[in-house]
Amino acid sequence: MRHAGPLLIAAADTPKLGAEHAAMALGDLADGADAAVGPGMEGSWYLIALAAPHRALLDLLGEDLSGMDTMGRVFALAHEAGLEVGMLRMERTLRTPLDVRAVKADPLTPEFLRRALG
């Protein structure tokens, strides 16, 4: 059986990812966007939400999406496919030791997460 509802794909390396991100993405879709993207601070993504299975964006997920040009590629493919894309707030992903230090130093980081990061 195929799922008829929206699809949310989240990156596992985003420590502050939470239910509010899903709610924001689903809100964009409910407002008519074909997709919603959460950009990572280093140029990648942390969440992609699709209202329907848009092949152009799904194919992109099989590629290395860690470079600085990732968001540009996502928006270019969406534009070529005629898709309306919402953009969520930027979040830090944990790609390097400097990212870990930055998350630990952020005063908005919950204490349980700070402890988990060591």
N, C-alpha and C. Protein backbone atom coordinates (compact mmCIF):
# COMPACT_ATOMS: atom_id res chain seq x y z
N MET A 1 0.85 -1.19 0.00
CA MET A 1 0.00 0.00 0.00
C MET A 1 0.88 1.24 0.00
N ARG A 2 0.56 2.20 -0.81
CA ARG A 2 1.31 3.45 -0.88
C ARG A 2 0.74 4.43 0.15
N HIS A 3 1.65 5.21 0.71
CA HIS A 3 1.25 6.24 1.68
C HIS A 3 0.82 7.49 0.91
N ALA A 4 -0.32 8.03 1.22
CA ALA A 4 -0.85 9.17 0.48
C ALA A 4 -0.46 10.50 1.12
N GLY A 5 0.02 10.49 2.34
CA GLY A 5 0.32 11.74 3.04
C GLY A 5 1.71 12.25 2.78
N PRO A 6 2.07 13.32 3.47
CA PRO A 6 3.40 13.89 3.28
C PRO A 6 4.51 12.98 3.81
N LEU A 7 5.71 13.20 3.29
CA LEU A 7 6.89 12.45 3.69
C LEU A 7 7.89 13.42 4.29
N LEU A 8 8.38 13.11 5.48
CA LEU A 8 9.43 13.90 6.12
C LEU A 8 10.67 13.05 6.25
N ILE A 9 11.80 13.57 5.79
CA ILE A 9 13.09 12.88 5.86
C ILE A 9 14.01 13.76 6.69
N ALA A 10 14.53 13.22 7.79
CA ALA A 10 15.36 14.01 8.70
C ALA A 10 16.77 13.45 8.78
N ALA A 11 17.73 14.34 8.91
CA ALA A 11 19.13 13.96 9.09
C ALA A 11 19.35 13.62 10.57
N ALA A 12 20.05 12.54 10.82
CA ALA A 12 20.27 12.08 12.19
C ALA A 12 21.33 12.89 12.93
N ASP A 13 22.03 13.77 12.23
CA ASP A 13 23.11 14.52 12.87
C ASP A 13 22.71 15.94 13.27
N THR A 14 21.43 16.14 13.57
CA THR A 14 20.91 17.44 13.95
C THR A 14 20.38 17.36 15.38
N PRO A 15 21.20 17.74 16.36
CA PRO A 15 20.83 17.49 17.75
C PRO A 15 19.61 18.26 18.24
N LYS A 16 19.30 19.39 17.66
CA LYS A 16 18.16 20.17 18.13
C LYS A 16 16.89 19.91 17.32
N LEU A 17 16.93 18.90 16.46
CA LEU A 17 15.77 18.56 15.66
C LEU A 17 14.66 18.07 16.59
N GLY A 18 13.47 18.61 16.40
CA GLY A 18 12.37 18.22 17.28
C GLY A 18 11.02 18.30 16.58
N ALA A 19 10.00 18.06 17.36
CA ALA A 19 8.64 18.05 16.82
C ALA A 19 8.26 19.40 16.20
N GLU A 20 8.83 20.49 16.73
CA GLU A 20 8.49 21.81 16.17
C GLU A 20 8.98 21.95 14.73
N HIS A 21 10.08 21.27 14.39
CA HIS A 21 10.56 21.32 13.00
C HIS A 21 9.58 20.60 12.08
N ALA A 22 9.10 19.45 12.52
CA ALA A 22 8.11 18.72 11.73
C ALA A 22 6.84 19.55 11.58
N ALA A 23 6.43 20.20 12.65
CA ALA A 23 5.22 21.03 12.59
C ALA A 23 5.40 22.19 11.62
N MET A 24 6.57 22.83 11.62
CA MET A 24 6.83 23.92 10.68
C MET A 24 6.79 23.42 9.23
N ALA A 25 7.43 22.26 8.98
CA ALA A 25 7.46 21.71 7.63
C ALA A 25 6.05 21.34 7.17
N LEU A 26 5.31 20.67 8.04
CA LEU A 26 3.93 20.29 7.69
C LEU A 26 3.06 21.53 7.48
N GLY A 27 3.33 22.59 8.23
CA GLY A 27 2.61 23.86 8.04
C GLY A 27 2.86 24.44 6.66
N ASP A 28 4.14 24.39 6.22
CA ASP A 28 4.45 24.87 4.86
C ASP A 28 3.69 24.06 3.82
N LEU A 29 3.66 22.74 4.00
CA LEU A 29 2.95 21.87 3.05
C LEU A 29 1.45 22.17 3.08
N ALA A 30 0.90 22.37 4.27
CA ALA A 30 -0.53 22.67 4.40
C ALA A 30 -0.87 24.01 3.74
N ASP A 31 0.09 24.92 3.72
CA ASP A 31 -0.12 26.23 3.10
C ASP A 31 0.09 26.22 1.59
N GLY A 32 0.37 25.03 1.02
CA GLY A 32 0.46 24.91 -0.42
C GLY A 32 1.84 24.65 -0.99
N ALA A 33 2.88 24.61 -0.16
CA ALA A 33 4.21 24.30 -0.67
C ALA A 33 4.26 22.84 -1.10
N ASP A 34 5.05 22.56 -2.14
CA ASP A 34 5.26 21.19 -2.58
C ASP A 34 6.30 20.49 -1.71
N ALA A 35 7.18 21.28 -1.14
CA ALA A 35 8.26 20.75 -0.29
C ALA A 35 8.65 21.81 0.72
N ALA A 36 9.31 21.38 1.77
CA ALA A 36 9.89 22.28 2.76
C ALA A 36 11.27 21.73 3.10
N VAL A 37 12.23 22.63 3.24
CA VAL A 37 13.61 22.22 3.48
C VAL A 37 14.15 22.96 4.69
N GLY A 38 14.85 22.21 5.56
CA GLY A 38 15.55 22.80 6.68
C GLY A 38 17.03 22.85 6.37
N PRO A 39 17.62 24.03 6.20
CA PRO A 39 19.03 24.12 5.84
C PRO A 39 19.94 23.98 7.05
N GLY A 40 21.04 23.25 6.86
CA GLY A 40 22.07 23.16 7.88
C GLY A 40 23.02 24.34 7.73
N MET A 41 23.65 24.74 8.82
CA MET A 41 24.53 25.92 8.80
C MET A 41 25.72 25.77 7.86
N GLU A 42 26.13 24.54 7.60
CA GLU A 42 27.31 24.34 6.75
C GLU A 42 26.96 24.14 5.29
N GLY A 43 25.67 24.27 4.95
CA GLY A 43 25.27 24.20 3.56
C GLY A 43 24.47 22.97 3.19
N SER A 44 24.36 22.01 4.07
CA SER A 44 23.58 20.81 3.78
C SER A 44 22.13 21.03 4.22
N TRP A 45 21.40 19.96 4.43
CA TRP A 45 20.03 20.03 4.90
C TRP A 45 19.89 19.14 6.13
N TYR A 46 18.89 19.43 6.95
CA TYR A 46 18.59 18.56 8.09
C TYR A 46 17.19 17.97 8.00
N LEU A 47 16.33 18.54 7.17
CA LEU A 47 14.98 18.01 7.02
C LEU A 47 14.46 18.38 5.64
N ILE A 48 13.86 17.41 4.99
CA ILE A 48 13.15 17.65 3.73
C ILE A 48 11.76 17.04 3.88
N ALA A 49 10.75 17.86 3.63
CA ALA A 49 9.37 17.40 3.68
C ALA A 49 8.78 17.51 2.28
N LEU A 50 8.09 16.48 1.86
CA LEU A 50 7.48 16.46 0.53
C LEU A 50 5.98 16.22 0.65
N ALA A 51 5.21 17.03 -0.06
CA ALA A 51 3.76 16.83 -0.08
C ALA A 51 3.40 15.61 -0.90
N ALA A 52 4.23 15.29 -1.88
CA ALA A 52 4.05 14.14 -2.76
C ALA A 52 5.44 13.65 -3.17
N PRO A 53 5.56 12.45 -3.70
CA PRO A 53 6.88 11.92 -4.06
C PRO A 53 7.44 12.56 -5.33
N HIS A 54 8.03 13.73 -5.19
CA HIS A 54 8.62 14.44 -6.33
C HIS A 54 9.96 13.81 -6.68
N ARG A 55 10.01 13.17 -7.82
CA ARG A 55 11.18 12.39 -8.25
C ARG A 55 12.47 13.21 -8.22
N ALA A 56 12.44 14.46 -8.65
CA ALA A 56 13.65 15.29 -8.70
C ALA A 56 14.30 15.40 -7.33
N LEU A 57 13.50 15.61 -6.30
CA LEU A 57 14.06 15.76 -4.96
C LEU A 57 14.41 14.41 -4.34
N LEU A 58 13.61 13.39 -4.60
CA LEU A 58 13.92 12.06 -4.07
C LEU A 58 15.22 11.52 -4.64
N ASP A 59 15.47 11.74 -5.93
CA ASP A 59 16.73 11.30 -6.53
C ASP A 59 17.92 11.99 -5.90
N LEU A 60 17.76 13.23 -5.52
CA LEU A 60 18.84 13.99 -4.90
C LEU A 60 19.26 13.38 -3.57
N LEU A 61 18.33 12.75 -2.88
CA LEU A 61 18.64 12.18 -1.56
C LEU A 61 19.62 11.02 -1.63
N GLY A 62 19.78 10.42 -2.80
CA GLY A 62 20.74 9.34 -2.96
C GLY A 62 22.16 9.83 -3.19
N GLU A 63 22.35 11.12 -3.27
CA GLU A 63 23.67 11.71 -3.52
C GLU A 63 24.30 12.20 -2.23
N ASP A 64 25.59 12.52 -2.30
CA ASP A 64 26.29 13.13 -1.17
C ASP A 64 25.77 14.56 -1.01
N LEU A 65 25.14 14.82 0.09
CA LEU A 65 24.52 16.13 0.31
C LEU A 65 25.22 16.90 1.42
N SER A 66 26.53 16.75 1.52
CA SER A 66 27.25 17.39 2.61
C SER A 66 28.00 18.64 2.19
N GLY A 67 27.98 19.00 0.93
CA GLY A 67 28.77 20.13 0.46
C GLY A 67 28.06 21.46 0.61
N MET A 68 28.83 22.51 0.41
CA MET A 68 28.30 23.87 0.53
C MET A 68 27.27 24.20 -0.53
N ASP A 69 27.27 23.50 -1.65
CA ASP A 69 26.33 23.82 -2.72
C ASP A 69 25.03 23.02 -2.64
N THR A 70 24.85 22.26 -1.58
CA THR A 70 23.69 21.38 -1.48
C THR A 70 22.37 22.14 -1.56
N MET A 71 22.20 23.18 -0.77
CA MET A 71 20.93 23.89 -0.78
C MET A 71 20.68 24.54 -2.15
N GLY A 72 21.72 25.04 -2.78
CA GLY A 72 21.56 25.59 -4.13
C GLY A 72 21.07 24.54 -5.10
N ARG A 73 21.59 23.32 -4.98
CA ARG A 73 21.16 22.23 -5.85
C ARG A 73 19.71 21.86 -5.57
N VAL A 74 19.33 21.81 -4.29
CA VAL A 74 17.95 21.48 -3.93
C VAL A 74 17.00 22.50 -4.55
N PHE A 75 17.31 23.79 -4.38
CA PHE A 75 16.42 24.82 -4.91
C PHE A 75 16.42 24.86 -6.43
N ALA A 76 17.56 24.59 -7.06
CA ALA A 76 17.61 24.56 -8.53
C ALA A 76 16.75 23.42 -9.08
N LEU A 77 16.88 22.23 -8.48
CA LEU A 77 16.06 21.10 -8.94
C LEU A 77 14.57 21.36 -8.72
N ALA A 78 14.23 21.95 -7.59
CA ALA A 78 12.84 22.27 -7.31
C ALA A 78 12.31 23.28 -8.32
N HIS A 79 13.11 24.28 -8.63
CA HIS A 79 12.70 25.30 -9.60
C HIS A 79 12.48 24.67 -10.98
N GLU A 80 13.42 23.82 -11.40
CA GLU A 80 13.30 23.16 -12.71
C GLU A 80 12.05 22.30 -12.79
N ALA A 81 11.67 21.70 -11.64
CA ALA A 81 10.48 20.85 -11.61
C ALA A 81 9.20 21.65 -11.36
N GLY A 82 9.33 22.97 -11.19
CA GLY A 82 8.16 23.81 -10.96
C GLY A 82 7.57 23.66 -9.57
N LEU A 83 8.40 23.32 -8.59
CA LEU A 83 7.92 23.09 -7.23
C LEU A 83 8.07 24.34 -6.37
N GLU A 84 7.08 24.57 -5.54
CA GLU A 84 7.11 25.64 -4.54
C GLU A 84 7.76 25.06 -3.28
N VAL A 85 8.80 25.73 -2.76
CA VAL A 85 9.55 25.20 -1.62
C VAL A 85 9.53 26.20 -0.47
N GLY A 86 9.15 25.71 0.72
CA GLY A 86 9.25 26.50 1.94
C GLY A 86 10.59 26.24 2.60
N MET A 87 11.07 27.22 3.34
CA MET A 87 12.37 27.06 3.99
C MET A 87 12.21 27.25 5.50
N LEU A 88 12.69 26.25 6.23
CA LEU A 88 12.65 26.29 7.68
C LEU A 88 13.84 27.07 8.21
N ARG A 89 13.86 27.29 9.52
CA ARG A 89 15.01 27.99 10.11
C ARG A 89 16.26 27.13 10.01
N MET A 90 17.37 27.78 9.98
CA MET A 90 18.66 27.11 9.88
C MET A 90 19.01 26.46 11.22
N GLU A 91 19.63 25.28 11.15
CA GLU A 91 20.09 24.57 12.35
C GLU A 91 21.51 24.07 12.14
N ARG A 92 22.21 23.87 13.22
CA ARG A 92 23.56 23.33 13.15
C ARG A 92 23.49 21.80 13.13
N THR A 93 24.19 21.20 12.19
CA THR A 93 24.35 19.75 12.16
C THR A 93 25.70 19.41 12.76
N LEU A 94 25.85 18.19 13.22
CA LEU A 94 27.11 17.76 13.84
C LEU A 94 27.95 17.03 12.81
N ARG A 95 28.75 17.78 12.09
CA ARG A 95 29.61 17.20 11.05
C ARG A 95 31.08 17.19 11.47
N THR A 96 31.45 18.11 12.36
CA THR A 96 32.86 18.24 12.77
C THR A 96 32.95 18.42 14.28
N PRO A 97 34.14 18.25 14.84
CA PRO A 97 34.31 18.54 16.28
C PRO A 97 33.97 19.99 16.61
N LEU A 98 34.20 20.91 15.69
CA LEU A 98 33.83 22.31 15.94
C LEU A 98 32.33 22.48 16.07
N ASP A 99 31.56 21.69 15.32
CA ASP A 99 30.10 21.73 15.45
C ASP A 99 29.68 21.29 16.84
N VAL A 100 30.30 20.25 17.36
CA VAL A 100 29.98 19.76 18.70
C VAL A 100 30.28 20.85 19.72
N ARG A 101 31.43 21.49 19.60
CA ARG A 101 31.80 22.56 20.54
C ARG A 101 30.80 23.71 20.47
N ALA A 102 30.37 24.06 19.27
CA ALA A 102 29.43 25.16 19.11
C ALA A 102 28.08 24.83 19.74
N VAL A 103 27.60 23.60 19.56
CA VAL A 103 26.32 23.21 20.16
C VAL A 103 26.43 23.22 21.68
N LYS A 104 27.54 22.73 22.20
CA LYS A 104 27.73 22.71 23.66
C LYS A 104 27.81 24.13 24.23
N ALA A 105 28.37 25.07 23.47
CA ALA A 105 28.51 26.45 23.93
C ALA A 105 27.24 27.27 23.77
N ASP A 106 26.32 26.81 22.96
CA ASP A 106 25.08 27.55 22.69
C ASP A 106 24.23 27.59 23.96
N PRO A 107 23.88 28.77 24.46
CA PRO A 107 23.07 28.85 25.68
C PRO A 107 21.66 28.28 25.52
N LEU A 108 21.21 28.09 24.29
CA LEU A 108 19.88 27.52 24.07
C LEU A 108 19.88 25.99 24.00
N THR A 109 21.08 25.39 24.06
CA THR A 109 21.16 23.93 24.04
C THR A 109 20.66 23.38 25.38
N PRO A 110 19.71 22.46 25.34
CA PRO A 110 19.21 21.86 26.59
C PRO A 110 20.35 21.14 27.33
N GLU A 111 20.29 21.17 28.64
CA GLU A 111 21.36 20.59 29.45
C GLU A 111 21.54 19.09 29.18
N PHE A 112 20.46 18.36 28.97
CA PHE A 112 20.60 16.91 28.71
C PHE A 112 21.42 16.66 27.43
N LEU A 113 21.25 17.54 26.44
CA LEU A 113 21.99 17.39 25.19
C LEU A 113 23.45 17.78 25.40
N ARG A 114 23.68 18.82 26.14
CA ARG A 114 25.05 19.24 26.43
C ARG A 114 25.81 18.09 27.13
N ARG A 115 25.16 17.45 28.08
CA ARG A 115 25.79 16.31 28.79
C ARG A 115 26.02 15.15 27.85
N ALA A 116 25.07 14.89 26.97
CA ALA A 116 25.20 13.76 26.04
C ALA A 116 26.39 13.96 25.07
N LEU A 117 26.68 15.20 24.76
CA LEU A 117 27.78 15.49 23.85
C LEU A 117 29.14 15.45 24.56
N GLY A 118 29.13 15.27 25.88
CA GLY A 118 30.37 15.09 26.63
C GLY A 118 31.03 16.32 27.12
